[in-house]
C-alpha atoms as a PDB file:
ATOM      1  CA  MET A   1      13.263   3.454   8.309  1.00  0.00           C
ATOM      2  CA  ALA A   2      10.610   3.521   5.563  1.00  0.00           C
ATOM      3  CA  GLU A   3       8.445   6.617   5.167  1.00  0.00           C
ATOM      4  CA  ASN A   4       4.707   6.688   4.573  1.00  0.00           C
ATOM      5  CA  LYS A   5       3.923   6.807   0.870  1.00  0.00           C
ATOM      6  CA  THR A   6       0.602   8.530   1.499  1.00  0.00           C
ATOM      7  CA  LYS A   7       1.221  12.113   2.564  1.00  0.00           C
ATOM      8  CA  PRO A   8      -0.817  15.314   2.559  1.00  0.00           C
ATOM      9  CA  ASN A   9      -0.296  17.621  -0.400  1.00  0.00           C
ATOM     10  CA  LYS A  10      -1.520  20.943  -1.790  1.00  0.00           C
ATOM     11  CA  ALA A  11      -3.895  19.491  -4.420  1.00  0.00           C
ATOM     12  CA  SER A  12      -7.411  20.945  -4.419  1.00  0.00           C
ATOM     13  CA  VAL A  13      -9.968  18.863  -2.542  1.00  0.00           C
ATOM     14  CA  THR A  14     -12.781  20.811  -4.225  1.00  0.00           C
ATOM     15  CA  ALA A  15     -11.414  20.091  -7.699  1.00  0.00           C
ATOM     16  CA  PHE A  16     -10.956  16.423  -6.789  1.00  0.00           C
ATOM     17  CA  LEU A  17     -14.526  16.054  -5.507  1.00  0.00           C
ATOM     18  CA  ASN A  18     -16.010  18.013  -8.403  1.00  0.00           C
ATOM     19  CA  GLY A  19     -14.060  15.777 -10.788  1.00  0.00           C
ATOM     20  CA  ILE A  20     -15.845  12.603  -9.686  1.00  0.00           C
ATOM     21  CA  GLU A  21     -17.685  11.592 -12.847  1.00  0.00           C
ATOM     22  CA  ASP A  22     -20.498   9.574 -11.307  1.00  0.00           C
ATOM     23  CA  GLU A  23     -23.047  12.067  -9.946  1.00  0.00           C
ATOM     24  CA  ARG A  24     -24.275   9.781  -7.167  1.00  0.00           C
ATOM     25  CA  LYS A  25     -20.735   8.982  -6.004  1.00  0.00           C
ATOM     26  CA  ARG A  26     -19.849  12.708  -6.133  1.00  0.00           C
ATOM     27  CA  ARG A  27     -22.899  13.600  -4.021  1.00  0.00           C
ATOM     28  CA  ASP A  28     -22.123  10.803  -1.520  1.00  0.00           C
ATOM     29  CA  ALA A  29     -18.474  11.895  -1.284  1.00  0.00           C
ATOM     30  CA  LYS A  30     -19.463  15.482  -0.561  1.00  0.00           C
ATOM     31  CA  LYS A  31     -21.844  14.333   2.199  1.00  0.00           C
ATOM     32  CA  VAL A  32     -19.135  12.221   3.805  1.00  0.00           C
ATOM     33  CA  ALA A  33     -16.694  15.139   3.540  1.00  0.00           C
ATOM     34  CA  ALA A  34     -19.172  17.359   5.398  1.00  0.00           C
ATOM     35  CA  MET A  35     -19.615  14.717   8.136  1.00  0.00           C
ATOM     36  CA  MET A  36     -15.864  14.363   8.592  1.00  0.00           C
ATOM     37  CA  ARG A  37     -15.236  18.087   8.623  1.00  0.00           C
ATOM     38  CA  GLU A  38     -17.893  18.526  11.297  1.00  0.00           C
ATOM     39  CA  ALA A  39     -16.506  15.629  13.366  1.00  0.00           C
ATOM     40  CA  THR A  40     -12.897  16.822  13.217  1.00  0.00           C
ATOM     41  CA  GLY A  41     -13.273  20.589  12.934  1.00  0.00           C
ATOM     42  CA  SER A  42     -10.487  20.341  10.349  1.00  0.00           C
ATOM     43  CA  ARG A  43     -10.369  21.362   6.715  1.00  0.00           C
ATOM     44  CA  ALA A  44      -9.928  18.582   4.189  1.00  0.00           C
ATOM     45  CA  LYS A  45      -6.546  17.881   2.621  1.00  0.00           C
ATOM     46  CA  MET A  46      -5.640  15.590  -0.229  1.00  0.00           C
ATOM     47  CA  TRP A  47      -3.496  12.671   0.892  1.00  0.00           C
ATOM     48  CA  GLY A  48      -1.843  11.194  -2.153  1.00  0.00           C
ATOM     49  CA  ALA A  49      -3.769  11.431  -5.409  1.00  0.00           C
ATOM     50  CA  ASN A  50      -7.192  10.181  -4.332  1.00  0.00           C
ATOM     51  CA  ILE A  51      -7.709  10.264  -0.558  1.00  0.00           C
ATOM     52  CA  VAL A  52      -9.456  13.132   1.229  1.00  0.00           C
ATOM     53  CA  GLY A  53      -8.189  13.297   4.810  1.00  0.00           C
ATOM     54  CA  PHE A  54      -9.135  15.288   7.908  1.00  0.00           C
ATOM     55  CA  GLY A  55      -6.918  16.141  10.846  1.00  0.00           C
ATOM     56  CA  GLU A  56      -3.631  14.462  11.696  1.00  0.00           C
ATOM     57  CA  TYR A  57      -2.284  12.286  14.447  1.00  0.00           C
ATOM     58  CA  HIS A  58       1.194  11.158  15.384  1.00  0.00           C
ATOM     59  CA  TYR A  59       1.886   7.470  15.902  1.00  0.00           C
ATOM     60  CA  LYS A  60       4.904   5.651  17.258  1.00  0.00           C
ATOM     61  CA  TYR A  61       5.253   1.887  17.188  1.00  0.00           C
ATOM     62  CA  ALA A  62       7.270  -0.233  19.603  1.00  0.00           C
ATOM     63  CA  SER A  63       9.641  -0.913  16.694  1.00  0.00           C
ATOM     64  CA  GLY A  64      10.565   2.774  16.708  1.00  0.00           C
ATOM     65  CA  ARG A  65       8.765   3.570  13.465  1.00  0.00           C
ATOM     66  CA  GLU A  66       6.754   6.766  13.760  1.00  0.00           C
ATOM     67  CA  GLY A  67       4.944   9.239  11.571  1.00  0.00           C
ATOM     68  CA  ASP A  68       1.849  11.297  10.969  1.00  0.00           C
ATOM     69  CA  PHE A  69      -1.388  10.265   9.299  1.00  0.00           C
ATOM     70  CA  MET A  70      -4.941  11.521   8.928  1.00  0.00           C
ATOM     71  CA  ILE A  71      -7.406  11.041  11.797  1.00  0.00           C
ATOM     72  CA  THR A  72     -10.118  10.055   9.324  1.00  0.00           C
ATOM     73  CA  GLY A  73     -10.709  10.264   5.617  1.00  0.00           C
ATOM     74  CA  PHE A  74     -12.227   8.651   2.562  1.00  0.00           C
ATOM     75  CA  SER A  75     -11.651   7.799  -1.070  1.00  0.00           C
ATOM     76  CA  PRO A  76     -14.382   7.532  -3.725  1.00  0.00           C
ATOM     77  CA  ARG A  77     -13.040   4.385  -5.381  1.00  0.00           C
ATOM     78  CA  LYS A  78     -14.599   2.653  -8.373  1.00  0.00           C
ATOM     79  CA  GLN A  79     -15.947  -0.341  -6.433  1.00  0.00           C
ATOM     80  CA  ALA A  80     -17.033   1.475  -3.278  1.00  0.00           C
ATOM     81  CA  LEU A  81     -16.763   4.615  -1.221  1.00  0.00           C
ATOM     82  CA  THR A  82     -13.910   3.737   1.140  1.00  0.00           C
ATOM     83  CA  LEU A  83     -13.925   5.395   4.568  1.00  0.00           C
ATOM     84  CA  TYR A  84     -10.866   5.214   6.792  1.00  0.00           C
ATOM     85  CA  VAL A  85     -11.904   4.438  10.370  1.00  0.00           C
ATOM     86  CA  ILE A  86      -8.369   4.436  11.713  1.00  0.00           C
ATOM     87  CA  PRO A  87      -8.978   2.710  15.089  1.00  0.00           C
ATOM     88  CA  GLY A  88     -10.759  -0.171  13.334  1.00  0.00           C
ATOM     89  CA  PHE A  89     -14.198  -1.460  14.269  1.00  0.00           C
ATOM     90  CA  LYS A  90     -13.899  -3.516  17.472  1.00  0.00           C
ATOM     91  CA  HIS A  91     -14.684  -0.427  19.587  1.00  0.00           C
ATOM     92  CA  PHE A  92     -17.861   0.282  17.641  1.00  0.00           C
ATOM     93  CA  GLU A  93     -19.702  -3.061  17.377  1.00  0.00           C
ATOM     94  CA  THR A  94     -23.096  -1.687  18.436  1.00  0.00           C
ATOM     95  CA  MET A  95     -23.007   1.010  15.752  1.00  0.00           C
ATOM     96  CA  MET A  96     -21.732  -1.424  13.130  1.00  0.00           C
ATOM     97  CA  ASN A  97     -24.692  -3.705  13.798  1.00  0.00           C
ATOM     98  CA  LYS A  98     -27.052  -0.797  13.021  1.00  0.00           C
ATOM     99  CA  LEU A  99     -25.168   0.683  10.073  1.00  0.00           C
ATOM    100  CA  GLY A 100     -26.688  -1.245   7.171  1.00  0.00           C
ATOM    101  CA  LYS A 101     -25.061  -2.842   4.114  1.00  0.00           C
ATOM    102  CA  TYR A 102     -21.247  -2.563   4.078  1.00  0.00           C
ATOM    103  CA  LYS A 103     -17.967  -4.487   4.097  1.00  0.00           C
ATOM    104  CA  THR A 104     -14.872  -3.856   6.175  1.00  0.00           C
ATOM    105  CA  GLY A 105     -11.137  -4.324   6.027  1.00  0.00           C
ATOM    106  CA  ARG A 106      -8.775  -3.645   8.915  1.00  0.00           C
ATOM    107  CA  SER A 107      -9.538   0.087   9.105  1.00  0.00           C
ATOM    108  CA  CYS A 108     -11.565   0.474   5.911  1.00  0.00           C
ATOM    109  CA  LEU A 109     -15.320   0.719   5.656  1.00  0.00           C
ATOM    110  CA  TYR A 110     -16.577  -0.036   2.143  1.00  0.00           C
ATOM    111  CA  ILE A 111     -19.970   1.373   1.199  1.00  0.00           C
ATOM    112  CA  LYS A 112     -21.473   1.093  -2.293  1.00  0.00           C
ATOM    113  CA  HIS A 113     -23.906   3.991  -1.780  1.00  0.00           C
ATOM    114  CA  LEU A 114     -24.918   6.080   1.225  1.00  0.00           C
ATOM    115  CA  SER A 115     -28.498   4.964   0.577  1.00  0.00           C
ATOM    116  CA  ASP A 116     -27.376   1.445   1.650  1.00  0.00           C
ATOM    117  CA  ILE A 117     -26.656   2.590   5.196  1.00  0.00           C
ATOM    118  CA  ASP A 118     -28.119   4.652   8.009  1.00  0.00           C
ATOM    119  CA  GLU A 119     -26.420   8.052   7.617  1.00  0.00           C
ATOM    120  CA  LYS A 120     -27.122   9.019  11.237  1.00  0.00           C
ATOM    121  CA  VAL A 121     -25.291   5.917  12.444  1.00  0.00           C
ATOM    122  CA  LEU A 122     -22.416   6.666  10.042  1.00  0.00           C
ATOM    123  CA  LYS A 123     -22.133  10.181  11.427  1.00  0.00           C
ATOM    124  CA  ARG A 124     -22.017   8.798  15.010  1.00  0.00           C
ATOM    125  CA  LEU A 125     -19.390   6.272  13.940  1.00  0.00           C
ATOM    126  CA  ILE A 126     -17.182   8.992  12.454  1.00  0.00           C
ATOM    127  CA  VAL A 127     -17.542  11.147  15.584  1.00  0.00           C
ATOM    128  CA  ALA A 128     -16.763   8.192  17.876  1.00  0.00           C
ATOM    129  CA  SER A 129     -13.738   7.241  15.771  1.00  0.00           C
ATOM    130  CA  VAL A 130     -12.364  10.807  15.920  1.00  0.00           C
ATOM    131  CA  LYS A 131     -12.902  10.950  19.697  1.00  0.00           C
ATOM    132  CA  HIS A 132     -11.072   7.643  20.077  1.00  0.00           C
ATOM    133  CA  MET A 133      -8.132   8.937  18.050  1.00  0.00           C
ATOM    134  CA  ARG A 134      -7.923  12.177  20.043  1.00  0.00           C
ATOM    135  CA  LYS A 135      -8.056  10.275  23.331  1.00  0.00           C
ATOM    136  CA  ASN A 136      -5.333   7.802  22.375  1.00  0.00           C
ATOM    137  CA  TYR A 137      -2.943   9.768  20.154  1.00  0.00           C
ATOM    138  CA  GLU A 138      -1.261  13.135  19.857  1.00  0.00           C
ATOM    139  CA  THR A 139      -3.426  14.958  17.312  1.00  0.00           C
ATOM    140  CA  LYS A 140      -3.226  18.175  15.332  1.00  0.00           C
END
């Protein structure tokens, strides 16, 4: 059975965030980190080389594959700040309609700049996503 490639490690989240060259992206990343820490009550951990994750949950698929992954997290990528909304977006349509300018993938929310969205709605979205994960999965 294949293992997850993205795992938590001991790398410094502070050093990672402080190393973001673009000042605006660094400031946005630190704001998102604060929102996620408040929503999860968990300290940030690096997952792989460039993902900041909060909390953990255990999943098990019908196929028998199982593992642990972050409850929520983000990565300050070159093209956009990528937020991981693990349950996806179908549960949060009302909030998504009020969020502002963004793109989505399956569980990824892509935001160019926090100024493009309503930060209060983003905070509610993160909190709702974390609550959904805790209700539906075994979490740490």
